[in-house]
Amino acid sequence: MAAGFILMVIILIAVIIYLYQAQNWHGPIVNFIIIVAILLTLTSIFVVYSRNPVDFSSPQGFIEFTKAYFQWWGSLVKNTKGIAGYVINQDWGVNTTSAG
């Protein structure tokens, strides 16, 4: 667990350094998109872990978490596709019965 925490801190520091240097490379819109992507990824990892707590001390636990994480993303995409299909198939015309 301590090794995972140290790795996470190192990655976080690297991202902070990158974002600090990125101010010179590209504009604030790209930095905003990067920050939102990182926050969404961390949130999704937290959601999956809270629903499927696994033991990260073994490689098998990491593999189980990875499978659960990608299954969660797959179901998210599938549900989003279903919702978008439902919205597209709705009759969005003007309702003539309420005209006064």
PDB file of N, CA and C in Angstrom:
ATOM      1  N   MET A   1       0.825  -1.193   0.000  1.00  0.00           N
ATOM      2  CA  MET A   1       0.000   0.000   0.000  1.00  0.00           C
ATOM      3  C   MET A   1       0.864   1.249   0.000  1.00  0.00           C
ATOM      4  N   ALA A   2       1.977   1.224   0.720  1.00  0.00           N
ATOM      5  CA  ALA A   2       2.843   2.395   0.791  1.00  0.00           C
ATOM      6  C   ALA A   2       3.490   2.664  -0.564  1.00  0.00           C
ATOM      7  N   ALA A   3       3.854   1.610  -1.291  1.00  0.00           N
ATOM      8  CA  ALA A   3       4.468   1.794  -2.605  1.00  0.00           C
ATOM      9  C   ALA A   3       3.474   2.431  -3.574  1.00  0.00           C
ATOM     10  N   GLY A   4       2.221   2.016  -3.520  1.00  0.00           N
ATOM     11  CA  GLY A   4       1.180   2.613  -4.368  1.00  0.00           C
ATOM     12  C   GLY A   4       0.963   4.076  -4.037  1.00  0.00           C
ATOM     13  N   PHE A   5       0.985   4.402  -2.751  1.00  0.00           N
ATOM     14  CA  PHE A   5       0.813   5.796  -2.334  1.00  0.00           C
ATOM     15  C   PHE A   5       1.974   6.652  -2.813  1.00  0.00           C
ATOM     16  N   ILE A   6       3.189   6.135  -2.685  1.00  0.00           N
ATOM     17  CA  ILE A   6       4.367   6.879  -3.136  1.00  0.00           C
ATOM     18  C   ILE A   6       4.308   7.084  -4.650  1.00  0.00           C
ATOM     19  N   LEU A   7       3.916   6.061  -5.384  1.00  0.00           N
ATOM     20  CA  LEU A   7       3.786   6.173  -6.833  1.00  0.00           C
ATOM     21  C   LEU A   7       2.729   7.210  -7.206  1.00  0.00           C
ATOM     22  N   MET A   8       1.616   7.215  -6.491  1.00  0.00           N
ATOM     23  CA  MET A   8       0.558   8.179  -6.749  1.00  0.00           C
ATOM     24  C   MET A   8       1.037   9.608  -6.480  1.00  0.00           C
ATOM     25  N   VAL A   9       1.807   9.810  -5.417  1.00  0.00           N
ATOM     26  CA  VAL A   9       2.343  11.137  -5.103  1.00  0.00           C
ATOM     27  C   VAL A   9       3.330  11.584  -6.181  1.00  0.00           C
ATOM     28  N   ILE A  10       4.165  10.670  -6.650  1.00  0.00           N
ATOM     29  CA  ILE A  10       5.131  11.006  -7.706  1.00  0.00           C
ATOM     30  C   ILE A  10       4.398  11.400  -8.987  1.00  0.00           C
ATOM     31  N   ILE A  11       3.364  10.662  -9.340  1.00  0.00           N
ATOM     32  CA  ILE A  11       2.587  10.986 -10.537  1.00  0.00           C
ATOM     33  C   ILE A  11       1.896  12.333 -10.367  1.00  0.00           C
ATOM     34  N   LEU A  12       1.342  12.598  -9.193  1.00  0.00           N
ATOM     35  CA  LEU A  12       0.689  13.876  -8.928  1.00  0.00           C
ATOM     36  C   LEU A  12       1.677  15.033  -9.045  1.00  0.00           C
ATOM     37  N   ILE A  13       2.873  14.856  -8.507  1.00  0.00           N
ATOM     38  CA  ILE A  13       3.898  15.900  -8.606  1.00  0.00           C
ATOM     39  C   ILE A  13       4.295  16.120 -10.063  1.00  0.00           C
ATOM     40  N   ALA A  14       4.425  15.033 -10.820  1.00  0.00           N
ATOM     41  CA  ALA A  14       4.774  15.153 -12.241  1.00  0.00           C
ATOM     42  C   ALA A  14       3.688  15.901 -13.003  1.00  0.00           C
ATOM     43  N   VAL A  15       2.427  15.639 -12.696  1.00  0.00           N
ATOM     44  CA  VAL A  15       1.325  16.325 -13.367  1.00  0.00           C
ATOM     45  C   VAL A  15       1.326  17.809 -13.008  1.00  0.00           C
ATOM     46  N   ILE A  16       1.575  18.122 -11.744  1.00  0.00           N
ATOM     47  CA  ILE A  16       1.625  19.528 -11.326  1.00  0.00           C
ATOM     48  C   ILE A  16       2.762  20.255 -12.029  1.00  0.00           C
ATOM     49  N   ILE A  17       3.928  19.624 -12.112  1.00  0.00           N
ATOM     50  CA  ILE A  17       5.060  20.233 -12.818  1.00  0.00           C
ATOM     51  C   ILE A  17       4.728  20.416 -14.294  1.00  0.00           C
ATOM     52  N   TYR A  18       4.103  19.406 -14.894  1.00  0.00           N
ATOM     53  CA  TYR A  18       3.717  19.517 -16.305  1.00  0.00           C
ATOM     54  C   TYR A  18       2.758  20.683 -16.513  1.00  0.00           C
ATOM     55  N   LEU A  19       1.731  20.782 -15.666  1.00  0.00           N
ATOM     56  CA  LEU A  19       0.764  21.864 -15.824  1.00  0.00           C
ATOM     57  C   LEU A  19       1.414  23.224 -15.616  1.00  0.00           C
ATOM     58  N   TYR A  20       2.368  23.311 -14.704  1.00  0.00           N
ATOM     59  CA  TYR A  20       3.074  24.567 -14.484  1.00  0.00           C
ATOM     60  C   TYR A  20       3.882  24.949 -15.729  1.00  0.00           C
ATOM     61  N   GLN A  21       4.577  23.980 -16.307  1.00  0.00           N
ATOM     62  CA  GLN A  21       5.361  24.241 -17.514  1.00  0.00           C
ATOM     63  C   GLN A  21       4.465  24.434 -18.735  1.00  0.00           C
ATOM     64  N   ALA A  22       3.297  23.821 -18.728  1.00  0.00           N
ATOM     65  CA  ALA A  22       2.402  23.889 -19.875  1.00  0.00           C
ATOM     66  C   ALA A  22       1.846  25.287 -20.086  1.00  0.00           C
ATOM     67  N   GLN A  23       1.921  26.131 -19.082  1.00  0.00           N
ATOM     68  CA  GLN A  23       1.473  27.513 -19.250  1.00  0.00           C
ATOM     69  C   GLN A  23       2.238  28.183 -20.389  1.00  0.00           C
ATOM     70  N   ASN A  24       3.502  27.803 -20.561  1.00  0.00           N
ATOM     71  CA  ASN A  24       4.317  28.376 -21.631  1.00  0.00           C
ATOM     72  C   ASN A  24       4.072  27.695 -22.974  1.00  0.00           C
ATOM     73  N   TRP A  25       3.597  26.448 -22.963  1.00  0.00           N
ATOM     74  CA  TRP A  25       3.453  25.677 -24.193  1.00  0.00           C
ATOM     75  C   TRP A  25       2.120  25.916 -24.886  1.00  0.00           C
ATOM     76  N   HIS A  26       1.058  25.944 -24.129  1.00  0.00           N
ATOM     77  CA  HIS A  26      -0.266  26.138 -24.707  1.00  0.00           C
ATOM     78  C   HIS A  26      -1.132  26.907 -23.725  1.00  0.00           C
ATOM     79  N   GLY A  27      -2.295  27.278 -24.173  1.00  0.00           N
ATOM     80  CA  GLY A  27      -3.140  28.170 -23.410  1.00  0.00           C
ATOM     81  C   GLY A  27      -3.880  27.517 -22.257  1.00  0.00           C
ATOM     82  N   PRO A  28      -4.621  28.318 -21.539  1.00  0.00           N
ATOM     83  CA  PRO A  28      -5.334  27.833 -20.354  1.00  0.00           C
ATOM     84  C   PRO A  28      -6.478  26.879 -20.681  1.00  0.00           C
ATOM     85  N   ILE A  29      -7.001  26.926 -21.896  1.00  0.00           N
ATOM     86  CA  ILE A  29      -8.102  26.023 -22.251  1.00  0.00           C
ATOM     87  C   ILE A  29      -7.616  24.578 -22.260  1.00  0.00           C
ATOM     88  N   VAL A  30      -6.447  24.335 -22.820  1.00  0.00           N
ATOM     89  CA  VAL A  30      -5.888  22.979 -22.840  1.00  0.00           C
ATOM     90  C   VAL A  30      -5.588  22.521 -21.419  1.00  0.00           C
ATOM     91  N   ASN A  31      -5.061  23.405 -20.592  1.00  0.00           N
ATOM     92  CA  ASN A  31      -4.799  23.046 -19.196  1.00  0.00           C
ATOM     93  C   ASN A  31      -6.093  22.708 -18.469  1.00  0.00           C
ATOM     94  N   PHE A  32      -7.157  23.455 -18.743  1.00  0.00           N
ATOM     95  CA  PHE A  32      -8.447  23.169 -18.124  1.00  0.00           C
ATOM     96  C   PHE A  32      -8.948  21.788 -18.539  1.00  0.00           C
ATOM     97  N   ILE A  33      -8.812  21.458 -19.828  1.00  0.00           N
ATOM     98  CA  ILE A  33      -9.252  20.149 -20.315  1.00  0.00           C
ATOM     99  C   ILE A  33      -8.441  19.033 -19.661  1.00  0.00           C
ATOM    100  N   ILE A  34      -7.139  19.254 -19.502  1.00  0.00           N
ATOM    101  CA  ILE A  34      -6.291  18.251 -18.854  1.00  0.00           C
ATOM    102  C   ILE A  34      -6.705  18.056 -17.395  1.00  0.00           C
ATOM    103  N   ILE A  35      -6.961  19.138 -16.692  1.00  0.00           N
ATOM    104  CA  ILE A  35      -7.361  19.047 -15.280  1.00  0.00           C
ATOM    105  C   ILE A  35      -8.702  18.345 -15.147  1.00  0.00           C
ATOM    106  N   VAL A  36      -9.657  18.670 -16.025  1.00  0.00           N
ATOM    107  CA  VAL A  36     -10.963  18.006 -15.976  1.00  0.00           C
ATOM    108  C   VAL A  36     -10.813  16.515 -16.260  1.00  0.00           C
ATOM    109  N   ALA A  37      -9.982  16.152 -17.230  1.00  0.00           N
ATOM    110  CA  ALA A  37      -9.769  14.736 -17.548  1.00  0.00           C
ATOM    111  C   ALA A  37      -9.151  14.002 -16.355  1.00  0.00           C
ATOM    112  N   ILE A  38      -8.199  14.643 -15.683  1.00  0.00           N
ATOM    113  CA  ILE A  38      -7.575  14.021 -14.516  1.00  0.00           C
ATOM    114  C   ILE A  38      -8.594  13.854 -13.393  1.00  0.00           C
ATOM    115  N   LEU A  39      -9.397  14.879 -13.148  1.00  0.00           N
ATOM    116  CA  LEU A  39     -10.402  14.792 -12.085  1.00  0.00           C
ATOM    117  C   LEU A  39     -11.459  13.732 -12.391  1.00  0.00           C
ATOM    118  N   LEU A  40     -11.884  13.634 -13.656  1.00  0.00           N
ATOM    119  CA  LEU A  40     -12.853  12.598 -14.019  1.00  0.00           C
ATOM    120  C   LEU A  40     -12.267  11.201 -13.862  1.00  0.00           C
ATOM    121  N   THR A  41     -11.009  11.049 -14.225  1.00  0.00           N
ATOM    122  CA  THR A  41     -10.354   9.753 -14.076  1.00  0.00           C
ATOM    123  C   THR A  41     -10.238   9.379 -12.600  1.00  0.00           C
ATOM    124  N   LEU A  42      -9.804  10.318 -11.764  1.00  0.00           N
ATOM    125  CA  LEU A  42      -9.692  10.032 -10.329  1.00  0.00           C
ATOM    126  C   LEU A  42     -11.048   9.736  -9.703  1.00  0.00           C
ATOM    127  N   THR A  43     -12.074  10.471 -10.127  1.00  0.00           N
ATOM    128  CA  THR A  43     -13.423  10.218  -9.611  1.00  0.00           C
ATOM    129  C   THR A  43     -13.909   8.834 -10.019  1.00  0.00           C
ATOM    130  N   SER A  44     -13.667   8.455 -11.271  1.00  0.00           N
ATOM    131  CA  SER A  44     -14.122   7.137 -11.718  1.00  0.00           C
ATOM    132  C   SER A  44     -13.376   6.028 -10.989  1.00  0.00           C
ATOM    133  N   ILE A  45     -12.089   6.231 -10.737  1.00  0.00           N
ATOM    134  CA  ILE A  45     -11.327   5.230  -9.985  1.00  0.00           C
ATOM    135  C   ILE A  45     -11.888   5.102  -8.573  1.00  0.00           C
ATOM    136  N   PHE A  46     -12.214   6.224  -7.944  1.00  0.00           N
ATOM    137  CA  PHE A  46     -12.780   6.189  -6.590  1.00  0.00           C
ATOM    138  C   PHE A  46     -14.133   5.485  -6.576  1.00  0.00           C
ATOM    139  N   VAL A  47     -14.976   5.770  -7.574  1.00  0.00           N
ATOM    140  CA  VAL A  47     -16.302   5.140  -7.630  1.00  0.00           C
ATOM    141  C   VAL A  47     -16.170   3.631  -7.786  1.00  0.00           C
ATOM    142  N   VAL A  48     -15.307   3.194  -8.688  1.00  0.00           N
ATOM    143  CA  VAL A  48     -15.132   1.755  -8.910  1.00  0.00           C
ATOM    144  C   VAL A  48     -14.544   1.095  -7.674  1.00  0.00           C
ATOM    145  N   TYR A  49     -13.566   1.731  -7.046  1.00  0.00           N
ATOM    146  CA  TYR A  49     -12.958   1.142  -5.857  1.00  0.00           C
ATOM    147  C   TYR A  49     -13.943   1.082  -4.687  1.00  0.00           C
ATOM    148  N   SER A  50     -14.801   2.089  -4.548  1.00  0.00           N
ATOM    149  CA  SER A  50     -15.765   2.075  -3.438  1.00  0.00           C
ATOM    150  C   SER A  50     -16.809   0.982  -3.619  1.00  0.00           C
ATOM    151  N   ARG A  51     -17.098   0.632  -4.864  1.00  0.00           N
ATOM    152  CA  ARG A  51     -18.069  -0.441  -5.109  1.00  0.00           C
ATOM    153  C   ARG A  51     -17.430  -1.823  -5.129  1.00  0.00           C
ATOM    154  N   ASN A  52     -16.139  -1.899  -5.467  1.00  0.00           N
ATOM    155  CA  ASN A  52     -15.419  -3.169  -5.558  1.00  0.00           C
ATOM    156  C   ASN A  52     -14.089  -3.063  -4.825  1.00  0.00           C
ATOM    157  N   PRO A  53     -14.115  -3.016  -3.500  1.00  0.00           N
ATOM    158  CA  PRO A  53     -12.825  -2.909  -2.794  1.00  0.00           C
ATOM    159  C   PRO A  53     -11.988  -4.167  -3.014  1.00  0.00           C
ATOM    160  N   VAL A  54     -10.770  -3.980  -3.458  1.00  0.00           N
ATOM    161  CA  VAL A  54      -9.869  -5.094  -3.716  1.00  0.00           C
ATOM    162  C   VAL A  54      -8.570  -4.867  -2.964  1.00  0.00           C
ATOM    163  N   ASP A  55      -7.805  -5.941  -2.856  1.00  0.00           N
ATOM    164  CA  ASP A  55      -6.518  -5.883  -2.176  1.00  0.00           C
ATOM    165  C   ASP A  55      -5.432  -5.634  -3.210  1.00  0.00           C
ATOM    166  N   PHE A  56      -4.796  -4.463  -3.145  1.00  0.00           N
ATOM    167  CA  PHE A  56      -3.768  -4.111  -4.111  1.00  0.00           C
ATOM    168  C   PHE A  56      -2.400  -4.665  -3.744  1.00  0.00           C
ATOM    169  N   SER A  57      -2.316  -5.443  -2.679  1.00  0.00           N
ATOM    170  CA  SER A  57      -1.015  -5.974  -2.288  1.00  0.00           C
ATOM    171  C   SER A  57      -0.573  -7.139  -3.175  1.00  0.00           C
ATOM    172  N   SER A  58      -1.497  -7.674  -3.956  1.00  0.00           N
ATOM    173  CA  SER A  58      -1.140  -8.775  -4.850  1.00  0.00           C
ATOM    174  C   SER A  58      -1.446  -8.378  -6.297  1.00  0.00           C
ATOM    175  N   PRO A  59      -0.738  -8.959  -7.235  1.00  0.00           N
ATOM    176  CA  PRO A  59      -1.039  -8.666  -8.647  1.00  0.00           C
ATOM    177  C   PRO A  59      -2.454  -9.077  -9.046  1.00  0.00           C
ATOM    178  N   GLN A  60      -2.975 -10.115  -8.429  1.00  0.00           N
ATOM    179  CA  GLN A  60      -4.329 -10.568  -8.733  1.00  0.00           C
ATOM    180  C   GLN A  60      -5.360  -9.501  -8.356  1.00  0.00           C
ATOM    181  N   GLY A  61      -5.138  -8.802  -7.234  1.00  0.00           N
ATOM    182  CA  GLY A  61      -6.038  -7.736  -6.836  1.00  0.00           C
ATOM    183  C   GLY A  61      -6.027  -6.591  -7.824  1.00  0.00           C
ATOM    184  N   PHE A  62      -4.852  -6.253  -8.327  1.00  0.00           N
ATOM    185  CA  PHE A  62      -4.746  -5.199  -9.324  1.00  0.00           C
ATOM    186  C   PHE A  62      -5.453  -5.593 -10.617  1.00  0.00           C
ATOM    187  N   ILE A  63      -5.313  -6.857 -11.014  1.00  0.00           N
ATOM    188  CA  ILE A  63      -5.980  -7.350 -12.227  1.00  0.00           C
ATOM    189  C   ILE A  63      -7.496  -7.320 -12.044  1.00  0.00           C
ATOM    190  N   GLU A  64      -7.978  -7.713 -10.860  1.00  0.00           N
ATOM    191  CA  GLU A  64      -9.417  -7.669 -10.590  1.00  0.00           C
ATOM    192  C   GLU A  64      -9.944  -6.237 -10.659  1.00  0.00           C
ATOM    193  N   PHE A  65      -9.189  -5.306 -10.083  1.00  0.00           N
ATOM    194  CA  PHE A  65      -9.609  -3.909 -10.123  1.00  0.00           C
ATOM    195  C   PHE A  65      -9.620  -3.386 -11.556  1.00  0.00           C
ATOM    196  N   THR A  66      -8.619  -3.744 -12.340  1.00  0.00           N
ATOM    197  CA  THR A  66      -8.556  -3.303 -13.729  1.00  0.00           C
ATOM    198  C   THR A  66      -9.740  -3.830 -14.519  1.00  0.00           C
ATOM    199  N   LYS A  67     -10.100  -5.102 -14.304  1.00  0.00           N
ATOM    200  CA  LYS A  67     -11.264  -5.671 -14.982  1.00  0.00           C
ATOM    201  C   LYS A  67     -12.533  -4.932 -14.573  1.00  0.00           C
ATOM    202  N   ALA A  68     -12.699  -4.688 -13.270  1.00  0.00           N
ATOM    203  CA  ALA A  68     -13.888  -3.981 -12.790  1.00  0.00           C
ATOM    204  C   ALA A  68     -13.938  -2.561 -13.344  1.00  0.00           C
ATOM    205  N   TYR A  69     -12.777  -1.916 -13.424  1.00  0.00           N
ATOM    206  CA  TYR A  69     -12.722  -0.539 -13.923  1.00  0.00           C
ATOM    207  C   TYR A  69     -13.149  -0.469 -15.381  1.00  0.00           C
ATOM    208  N   PHE A  70     -12.638  -1.361 -16.227  1.00  0.00           N
ATOM    209  CA  PHE A  70     -13.010  -1.323 -17.637  1.00  0.00           C
ATOM    210  C   PHE A  70     -14.435  -1.816 -17.862  1.00  0.00           C
ATOM    211  N   GLN A  71     -14.946  -2.705 -17.008  1.00  0.00           N
ATOM    212  CA  GLN A  71     -16.346  -3.090 -17.096  1.00  0.00           C
ATOM    213  C   GLN A  71     -17.241  -1.904 -16.761  1.00  0.00           C
ATOM    214  N   TRP A  72     -16.821  -1.111 -15.776  1.00  0.00           N
ATOM    215  CA  TRP A  72     -17.581   0.078 -15.400  1.00  0.00           C
ATOM    216  C   TRP A  72     -17.618   1.063 -16.562  1.00  0.00           C
ATOM    217  N   TRP A  73     -16.465   1.298 -17.215  1.00  0.00           N
ATOM    218  CA  TRP A  73     -16.422   2.196 -18.367  1.00  0.00           C
ATOM    219  C   TRP A  73     -17.280   1.657 -19.498  1.00  0.00           C
ATOM    220  N   GLY A  74     -17.254   0.332 -19.715  1.00  0.00           N
ATOM    221  CA  GLY A  74     -18.073  -0.264 -20.757  1.00  0.00           C
ATOM    222  C   GLY A  74     -19.552  -0.063 -20.502  1.00  0.00           C
ATOM    223  N   SER A  75     -19.974  -0.251 -19.248  1.00  0.00           N
ATOM    224  CA  SER A  75     -21.384  -0.044 -18.931  1.00  0.00           C
ATOM    225  C   SER A  75     -21.761   1.430 -19.015  1.00  0.00           C
ATOM    226  N   LEU A  76     -20.829   2.326 -18.690  1.00  0.00           N
ATOM    227  CA  LEU A  76     -21.094   3.757 -18.818  1.00  0.00           C
ATOM    228  C   LEU A  76     -21.320   4.133 -20.278  1.00  0.00           C
ATOM    229  N   VAL A  77     -20.474   3.627 -21.164  1.00  0.00           N
ATOM    230  CA  VAL A  77     -20.623   3.909 -22.599  1.00  0.00           C
ATOM    231  C   VAL A  77     -21.919   3.307 -23.125  1.00  0.00           C
ATOM    232  N   LYS A  78     -22.227   2.089 -22.702  1.00  0.00           N
ATOM    233  CA  LYS A  78     -23.450   1.421 -23.154  1.00  0.00           C
ATOM    234  C   LYS A  78     -24.680   2.184 -22.693  1.00  0.00           C
ATOM    235  N   ASN A  79     -24.704   2.616 -21.442  1.00  0.00           N
ATOM    236  CA  ASN A  79     -25.848   3.361 -20.925  1.00  0.00           C
ATOM    237  C   ASN A  79     -25.968   4.726 -21.606  1.00  0.00           C
ATOM    238  N   THR A  80     -24.849   5.377 -21.859  1.00  0.00           N
ATOM    239  CA  THR A  80     -24.876   6.666 -22.542  1.00  0.00           C
ATOM    240  C   THR A  80     -25.416   6.509 -23.962  1.00  0.00           C
ATOM    241  N   LYS A  81     -25.003   5.438 -24.629  1.00  0.00           N
ATOM    242  CA  LYS A  81     -25.502   5.161 -25.970  1.00  0.00           C
ATOM    243  C   LYS A  81     -27.011   4.923 -25.941  1.00  0.00           C
ATOM    244  N   GLY A  82     -27.485   4.191 -24.931  1.00  0.00           N
ATOM    245  CA  GLY A  82     -28.916   3.932 -24.816  1.00  0.00           C
ATOM    246  C   GLY A  82     -29.715   5.199 -24.565  1.00  0.00           C
ATOM    247  N   ILE A  83     -29.200   6.066 -23.716  1.00  0.00           N
ATOM    248  CA  ILE A  83     -29.888   7.326 -23.415  1.00  0.00           C
ATOM    249  C   ILE A  83     -29.907   8.226 -24.644  1.00  0.00           C
ATOM    250  N   ALA A  84     -28.775   8.322 -25.334  1.00  0.00           N
ATOM    251  CA  ALA A  84     -28.713   9.162 -26.533  1.00  0.00           C
ATOM    252  C   ALA A  84     -29.662   8.638 -27.610  1.00  0.00           C
ATOM    253  N   GLY A  85     -29.735   7.314 -27.768  1.00  0.00           N
ATOM    254  CA  GLY A  85     -30.654   6.727 -28.738  1.00  0.00           C
ATOM    255  C   GLY A  85     -32.099   7.013 -28.386  1.00  0.00           C
ATOM    256  N   TYR A  86     -32.423   6.973 -27.097  1.00  0.00           N
ATOM    257  CA  TYR A  86     -33.786   7.268 -26.658  1.00  0.00           C
ATOM    258  C   TYR A  86     -34.138   8.719 -26.953  1.00  0.00           C
ATOM    259  N   VAL A  87     -33.216   9.622 -26.671  1.00  0.00           N
ATOM    260  CA  VAL A  87     -33.465  11.048 -26.905  1.00  0.00           C
ATOM    261  C   VAL A  87     -33.622  11.329 -28.399  1.00  0.00           C
ATOM    262  N   ILE A  88     -32.792  10.700 -29.212  1.00  0.00           N
ATOM    263  CA  ILE A  88     -32.861  10.936 -30.658  1.00  0.00           C
ATOM    264  C   ILE A  88     -34.182  10.453 -31.232  1.00  0.00           C
ATOM    265  N   ASN A  89     -34.728   9.361 -30.714  1.00  0.00           N
ATOM    266  CA  ASN A  89     -35.950   8.779 -31.245  1.00  0.00           C
ATOM    267  C   ASN A  89     -37.226   9.464 -30.759  1.00  0.00           C
ATOM    268  N   GLN A  90     -37.112  10.476 -29.917  1.00  0.00           N
ATOM    269  CA  GLN A  90     -38.293  11.172 -29.429  1.00  0.00           C
ATOM    270  C   GLN A  90     -38.836  12.113 -30.491  1.00  0.00           C
ATOM    271  N   ASP A  91     -40.158  12.350 -30.434  1.00  0.00           N
ATOM    272  CA  ASP A  91     -40.793  13.297 -31.341  1.00  0.00           C
ATOM    273  C   ASP A  91     -40.648  14.685 -30.728  1.00  0.00           C
ATOM    274  N   TRP A  92     -39.794  15.500 -31.326  1.00  0.00           N
ATOM    275  CA  TRP A  92     -39.505  16.818 -30.776  1.00  0.00           C
ATOM    276  C   TRP A  92     -40.283  17.907 -31.512  1.00  0.00           C
ATOM    277  N   GLY A  93     -41.363  17.518 -32.166  1.00  0.00           N
ATOM    278  CA  GLY A  93     -42.183  18.497 -32.888  1.00  0.00           C
ATOM    279  C   GLY A  93     -43.032  19.325 -31.930  1.00  0.00           C
ATOM    280  N   VAL A  94     -43.706  20.290 -32.479  1.00  0.00           N
ATOM    281  CA  VAL A  94     -44.549  21.180 -31.692  1.00  0.00           C
ATOM    282  C   VAL A  94     -45.810  20.425 -31.311  1.00  0.00           C
ATOM    283  N   ASN A  95     -46.215  20.575 -30.064  1.00  0.00           N
ATOM    284  CA  ASN A  95     -47.436  19.936 -29.582  1.00  0.00           C
ATOM    285  C   ASN A  95     -48.621  20.817 -29.977  1.00  0.00           C
ATOM    286  N   THR A  96     -49.441  20.350 -30.916  1.00  0.00           N
ATOM    287  CA  THR A  96     -50.552  21.160 -31.418  1.00  0.00           C
ATOM    288  C   THR A  96     -51.760  21.128 -30.501  1.00  0.00           C
ATOM    289  N   THR A  97     -51.795  20.209 -29.536  1.00  0.00           N
ATOM    290  CA  THR A  97     -52.963  20.120 -28.659  1.00  0.00           C
ATOM    291  C   THR A  97     -52.982  21.222 -27.617  1.00  0.00           C
ATOM    292  N   SER A  98     -51.859  21.818 -27.320  1.00  0.00           N
ATOM    293  CA  SER A  98     -51.827  22.872 -26.284  1.00  0.00           C
ATOM    294  C   SER A  98     -51.914  24.265 -26.860  1.00  0.00           C
ATOM    295  N   ALA A  99     -52.048  24.383 -28.183  1.00  0.00           N
ATOM    296  CA  ALA A  99     -52.141  25.710 -28.780  1.00  0.00           C
ATOM    297  C   ALA A  99     -53.504  26.305 -28.464  1.00  0.00           C
ATOM    298  N   GLY A 100     -53.537  27.557 -28.088  1.00  0.00           N
ATOM    299  CA  GLY A 100     -54.787  28.168 -27.627  1.00  0.00           C
ATOM    300  C   GLY A 100     -55.444  29.078 -28.528  1.00  0.00           C
TER     301      GLY A 100
END
